[in-house]
Amino acid sequence: FLINLYDDEFHGIIASGQSVDKAKIIEFLETSNPHVLQSIEDIKAKVYGVVAVTTGKLVSKSKSGSIIGQSRFTHIYLRKSDQWKMIESQGTVIIQE
């Protein structure tokens, strides 16, 4: 699924500030900590012809349910050959005060 979701020319910035391409983001996503549960909240999507933008919040929780991290994201998709491909993304850490 991930290989088909990300465009070959994908570029993104993960919440830590690291720049990633398709290979790096897939590696990052596949090595997630199994003790951390992640969910997406507040997701919104807008379509502009062959371009779509999604925004939302990624919440990371321990297995006991306490929040251990949050970030906001923007994903940009392009419709190519009748498929939506993610071409750009940006993640930003939410700092708890």
N, C-alpha and C. Protein backbone atom coordinates (compact mmCIF):
# COMPACT_ATOMS: atom_id res chain seq x y z
N PHE A 1 0.82 -1.20 0.00
CA PHE A 1 0.00 0.00 0.00
C PHE A 1 0.86 1.26 0.00
N LEU A 2 1.87 1.30 0.89
CA LEU A 2 2.70 2.50 0.99
C LEU A 2 3.48 2.77 -0.29
N ILE A 3 3.97 1.73 -0.91
CA ILE A 3 4.74 1.91 -2.15
C ILE A 3 3.87 2.54 -3.22
N ASN A 4 2.59 2.17 -3.27
CA ASN A 4 1.68 2.75 -4.26
C ASN A 4 1.17 4.13 -3.86
N LEU A 5 1.11 4.42 -2.56
CA LEU A 5 0.60 5.71 -2.10
C LEU A 5 1.56 6.85 -2.42
N TYR A 6 2.84 6.63 -2.20
CA TYR A 6 3.84 7.68 -2.40
C TYR A 6 4.33 7.70 -3.84
N ASP A 7 4.34 8.89 -4.43
CA ASP A 7 4.87 9.06 -5.78
C ASP A 7 6.38 8.82 -5.78
N ASP A 8 6.91 8.36 -6.89
CA ASP A 8 8.36 8.13 -6.98
C ASP A 8 9.16 9.41 -6.73
N GLU A 9 8.57 10.56 -7.03
CA GLU A 9 9.24 11.86 -6.84
C GLU A 9 8.87 12.51 -5.50
N PHE A 10 8.28 11.75 -4.58
CA PHE A 10 7.84 12.28 -3.30
C PHE A 10 8.97 12.99 -2.55
N HIS A 11 8.59 14.08 -1.88
CA HIS A 11 9.49 14.79 -0.96
C HIS A 11 8.68 15.18 0.26
N GLY A 12 9.26 15.03 1.44
CA GLY A 12 8.56 15.43 2.65
C GLY A 12 9.51 15.87 3.74
N ILE A 13 8.92 16.51 4.73
CA ILE A 13 9.63 16.90 5.94
C ILE A 13 8.86 16.28 7.09
N ILE A 14 9.50 15.35 7.84
CA ILE A 14 8.82 14.74 8.98
C ILE A 14 8.88 15.71 10.16
N ALA A 15 8.10 15.41 11.20
CA ALA A 15 7.95 16.35 12.32
C ALA A 15 9.26 16.69 13.02
N SER A 16 10.26 15.83 12.93
CA SER A 16 11.57 16.12 13.54
C SER A 16 12.38 17.12 12.71
N GLY A 17 11.89 17.43 11.51
CA GLY A 17 12.59 18.37 10.64
C GLY A 17 13.43 17.70 9.57
N GLN A 18 13.49 16.38 9.58
CA GLN A 18 14.30 15.63 8.62
C GLN A 18 13.62 15.61 7.25
N SER A 19 14.38 15.86 6.21
CA SER A 19 13.90 15.78 4.83
C SER A 19 13.94 14.33 4.39
N VAL A 20 12.86 13.85 3.75
CA VAL A 20 12.78 12.45 3.33
C VAL A 20 12.29 12.34 1.90
N ASP A 21 12.75 11.29 1.24
CA ASP A 21 12.22 10.92 -0.07
C ASP A 21 11.35 9.68 0.11
N LYS A 22 10.89 9.10 -0.98
CA LYS A 22 9.99 7.94 -0.89
C LYS A 22 10.62 6.79 -0.12
N ALA A 23 11.83 6.43 -0.43
CA ALA A 23 12.48 5.30 0.24
C ALA A 23 12.64 5.55 1.74
N LYS A 24 13.04 6.77 2.11
CA LYS A 24 13.26 7.09 3.52
C LYS A 24 11.96 7.12 4.31
N ILE A 25 10.87 7.64 3.71
CA ILE A 25 9.62 7.71 4.46
C ILE A 25 9.04 6.31 4.65
N ILE A 26 9.16 5.45 3.66
CA ILE A 26 8.66 4.08 3.81
C ILE A 26 9.47 3.34 4.88
N GLU A 27 10.78 3.51 4.87
CA GLU A 27 11.63 2.90 5.91
C GLU A 27 11.23 3.43 7.29
N PHE A 28 11.03 4.73 7.41
CA PHE A 28 10.64 5.35 8.68
C PHE A 28 9.30 4.78 9.17
N LEU A 29 8.32 4.68 8.28
CA LEU A 29 7.00 4.19 8.68
C LEU A 29 7.01 2.71 9.04
N GLU A 30 7.85 1.93 8.38
CA GLU A 30 7.90 0.49 8.65
C GLU A 30 8.67 0.16 9.93
N THR A 31 9.42 1.11 10.47
CA THR A 31 10.20 0.84 11.69
C THR A 31 9.58 1.52 12.91
N SER A 32 8.29 1.76 12.86
CA SER A 32 7.61 2.39 14.00
C SER A 32 7.69 1.50 15.23
N ASN A 33 7.67 2.12 16.39
CA ASN A 33 7.73 1.43 17.68
C ASN A 33 6.43 0.67 17.92
N PRO A 34 6.48 -0.65 18.12
CA PRO A 34 5.25 -1.42 18.31
C PRO A 34 4.56 -1.14 19.64
N HIS A 35 5.22 -0.44 20.55
CA HIS A 35 4.64 -0.11 21.85
C HIS A 35 3.92 1.24 21.83
N VAL A 36 3.95 1.90 20.68
CA VAL A 36 3.31 3.20 20.54
C VAL A 36 2.13 3.04 19.58
N LEU A 37 0.96 3.51 20.02
CA LEU A 37 -0.25 3.47 19.20
C LEU A 37 -0.46 4.84 18.58
N GLN A 38 -0.69 4.88 17.28
CA GLN A 38 -0.87 6.16 16.61
C GLN A 38 -2.27 6.25 16.02
N SER A 39 -2.84 7.44 16.11
CA SER A 39 -4.14 7.67 15.51
C SER A 39 -4.14 9.04 14.84
N ILE A 40 -5.06 9.20 13.90
CA ILE A 40 -5.20 10.48 13.19
C ILE A 40 -6.50 11.12 13.64
N GLU A 41 -6.41 12.40 13.96
CA GLU A 41 -7.57 13.18 14.39
C GLU A 41 -7.69 14.43 13.54
N ASP A 42 -8.86 15.03 13.56
CA ASP A 42 -9.10 16.32 12.91
C ASP A 42 -8.72 16.33 11.43
N ILE A 43 -8.93 15.22 10.74
CA ILE A 43 -8.53 15.17 9.33
C ILE A 43 -9.52 15.94 8.46
N LYS A 44 -8.96 16.70 7.54
CA LYS A 44 -9.75 17.47 6.57
C LYS A 44 -9.14 17.25 5.20
N ALA A 45 -9.98 17.24 4.18
CA ALA A 45 -9.49 17.05 2.82
C ALA A 45 -10.18 18.03 1.88
N LYS A 46 -9.42 18.54 0.93
CA LYS A 46 -9.95 19.42 -0.11
C LYS A 46 -9.38 18.96 -1.44
N VAL A 47 -10.23 18.96 -2.47
CA VAL A 47 -9.80 18.55 -3.80
C VAL A 47 -9.89 19.76 -4.72
N TYR A 48 -8.82 19.99 -5.47
CA TYR A 48 -8.73 21.09 -6.43
C TYR A 48 -8.38 20.50 -7.79
N GLY A 49 -9.35 19.90 -8.47
CA GLY A 49 -9.09 19.28 -9.76
C GLY A 49 -8.24 18.03 -9.59
N VAL A 50 -6.99 18.09 -10.07
CA VAL A 50 -6.11 16.93 -9.98
C VAL A 50 -5.18 16.99 -8.77
N VAL A 51 -5.40 18.00 -7.90
CA VAL A 51 -4.60 18.15 -6.69
C VAL A 51 -5.53 18.04 -5.48
N ALA A 52 -5.06 17.36 -4.43
CA ALA A 52 -5.81 17.26 -3.19
C ALA A 52 -4.87 17.56 -2.02
N VAL A 53 -5.44 18.14 -0.96
CA VAL A 53 -4.68 18.47 0.23
C VAL A 53 -5.40 17.89 1.44
N THR A 54 -4.66 17.18 2.29
CA THR A 54 -5.23 16.72 3.55
C THR A 54 -4.41 17.32 4.69
N THR A 55 -5.12 17.65 5.76
CA THR A 55 -4.46 18.13 6.97
C THR A 55 -5.04 17.37 8.14
N GLY A 56 -4.28 17.26 9.20
CA GLY A 56 -4.78 16.56 10.37
C GLY A 56 -3.76 16.56 11.49
N LYS A 57 -4.08 15.80 12.52
CA LYS A 57 -3.21 15.70 13.69
C LYS A 57 -2.91 14.23 13.93
N LEU A 58 -1.64 13.91 14.09
CA LEU A 58 -1.19 12.56 14.43
C LEU A 58 -0.92 12.53 15.93
N VAL A 59 -1.59 11.61 16.64
CA VAL A 59 -1.45 11.50 18.09
C VAL A 59 -0.79 10.16 18.40
N SER A 60 0.30 10.20 19.15
CA SER A 60 1.01 8.99 19.58
C SER A 60 0.73 8.78 21.06
N LYS A 61 0.29 7.55 21.39
CA LYS A 61 -0.03 7.21 22.78
C LYS A 61 0.70 5.95 23.20
N SER A 62 0.97 5.88 24.49
CA SER A 62 1.51 4.64 25.04
C SER A 62 0.38 3.63 25.08
N LYS A 63 0.70 2.38 25.30
CA LYS A 63 -0.34 1.35 25.39
C LYS A 63 -1.30 1.59 26.55
N SER A 64 -0.84 2.33 27.57
CA SER A 64 -1.72 2.65 28.70
C SER A 64 -2.66 3.81 28.37
N GLY A 65 -2.44 4.47 27.23
CA GLY A 65 -3.35 5.52 26.79
C GLY A 65 -2.88 6.94 27.00
N SER A 66 -1.71 7.13 27.62
CA SER A 66 -1.24 8.50 27.81
C SER A 66 -0.58 9.02 26.53
N ILE A 67 -0.84 10.29 26.24
CA ILE A 67 -0.29 10.92 25.03
C ILE A 67 1.20 11.16 25.24
N ILE A 68 2.00 10.67 24.28
CA ILE A 68 3.45 10.86 24.38
C ILE A 68 3.98 11.78 23.28
N GLY A 69 3.12 12.14 22.33
CA GLY A 69 3.53 13.06 21.28
C GLY A 69 2.38 13.36 20.34
N GLN A 70 2.45 14.57 19.75
CA GLN A 70 1.44 14.97 18.77
C GLN A 70 2.12 15.80 17.68
N SER A 71 1.60 15.71 16.48
CA SER A 71 2.09 16.56 15.40
C SER A 71 0.95 16.85 14.44
N ARG A 72 1.07 17.95 13.75
CA ARG A 72 0.11 18.30 12.69
C ARG A 72 0.79 18.00 11.36
N PHE A 73 -0.03 17.66 10.37
CA PHE A 73 0.54 17.34 9.06
C PHE A 73 -0.28 17.94 7.93
N THR A 74 0.40 18.15 6.83
CA THR A 74 -0.21 18.51 5.55
C THR A 74 0.34 17.54 4.51
N HIS A 75 -0.56 16.92 3.76
CA HIS A 75 -0.17 16.01 2.67
C HIS A 75 -0.76 16.55 1.38
N ILE A 76 0.03 16.55 0.33
CA ILE A 76 -0.42 17.02 -0.98
C ILE A 76 -0.37 15.84 -1.95
N TYR A 77 -1.48 15.63 -2.64
CA TYR A 77 -1.63 14.52 -3.57
C TYR A 77 -1.84 15.05 -4.98
N LEU A 78 -1.41 14.27 -5.96
CA LEU A 78 -1.64 14.56 -7.37
C LEU A 78 -2.28 13.33 -8.01
N ARG A 79 -3.34 13.56 -8.78
CA ARG A 79 -4.01 12.45 -9.46
C ARG A 79 -3.25 12.17 -10.76
N LYS A 80 -2.68 10.96 -10.82
CA LYS A 80 -1.88 10.53 -11.99
C LYS A 80 -2.40 9.18 -12.44
N SER A 81 -2.77 9.07 -13.68
CA SER A 81 -3.25 7.80 -14.24
C SER A 81 -4.34 7.19 -13.36
N ASP A 82 -5.33 8.00 -12.99
CA ASP A 82 -6.48 7.57 -12.19
C ASP A 82 -6.11 7.08 -10.79
N GLN A 83 -4.96 7.49 -10.26
CA GLN A 83 -4.58 7.15 -8.89
C GLN A 83 -4.09 8.41 -8.18
N TRP A 84 -4.43 8.51 -6.88
CA TRP A 84 -3.91 9.60 -6.08
C TRP A 84 -2.54 9.21 -5.53
N LYS A 85 -1.55 10.06 -5.77
CA LYS A 85 -0.18 9.82 -5.31
C LYS A 85 0.24 10.99 -4.42
N MET A 86 0.79 10.67 -3.24
CA MET A 86 1.30 11.73 -2.38
C MET A 86 2.61 12.25 -2.96
N ILE A 87 2.66 13.57 -3.16
CA ILE A 87 3.85 14.15 -3.77
C ILE A 87 4.67 15.00 -2.79
N GLU A 88 4.01 15.54 -1.75
CA GLU A 88 4.69 16.37 -0.76
C GLU A 88 4.03 16.18 0.59
N SER A 89 4.80 16.35 1.67
CA SER A 89 4.22 16.33 3.01
C SER A 89 5.07 17.18 3.95
N GLN A 90 4.41 17.65 5.00
CA GLN A 90 5.08 18.44 6.03
C GLN A 90 4.49 18.07 7.37
N GLY A 91 5.34 17.78 8.34
CA GLY A 91 4.89 17.49 9.70
C GLY A 91 5.49 18.51 10.66
N THR A 92 4.72 18.88 11.67
CA THR A 92 5.17 19.86 12.66
C THR A 92 4.80 19.36 14.06
N VAL A 93 5.78 19.27 14.93
CA VAL A 93 5.55 18.82 16.31
C VAL A 93 4.68 19.84 17.03
N ILE A 94 3.72 19.34 17.80
CA ILE A 94 2.92 20.19 18.68
C ILE A 94 3.60 20.17 20.04
N ILE A 95 4.03 21.32 20.50
CA ILE A 95 4.71 21.43 21.79
C ILE A 95 3.67 21.65 22.88
N GLN A 96 3.74 20.80 23.90
CA GLN A 96 2.81 20.92 25.04
C GLN A 96 3.37 21.93 26.02
N GLU A 97 2.53 22.85 26.42
CA GLU A 97 2.96 23.87 27.39
C GLU A 97 2.61 23.46 28.80
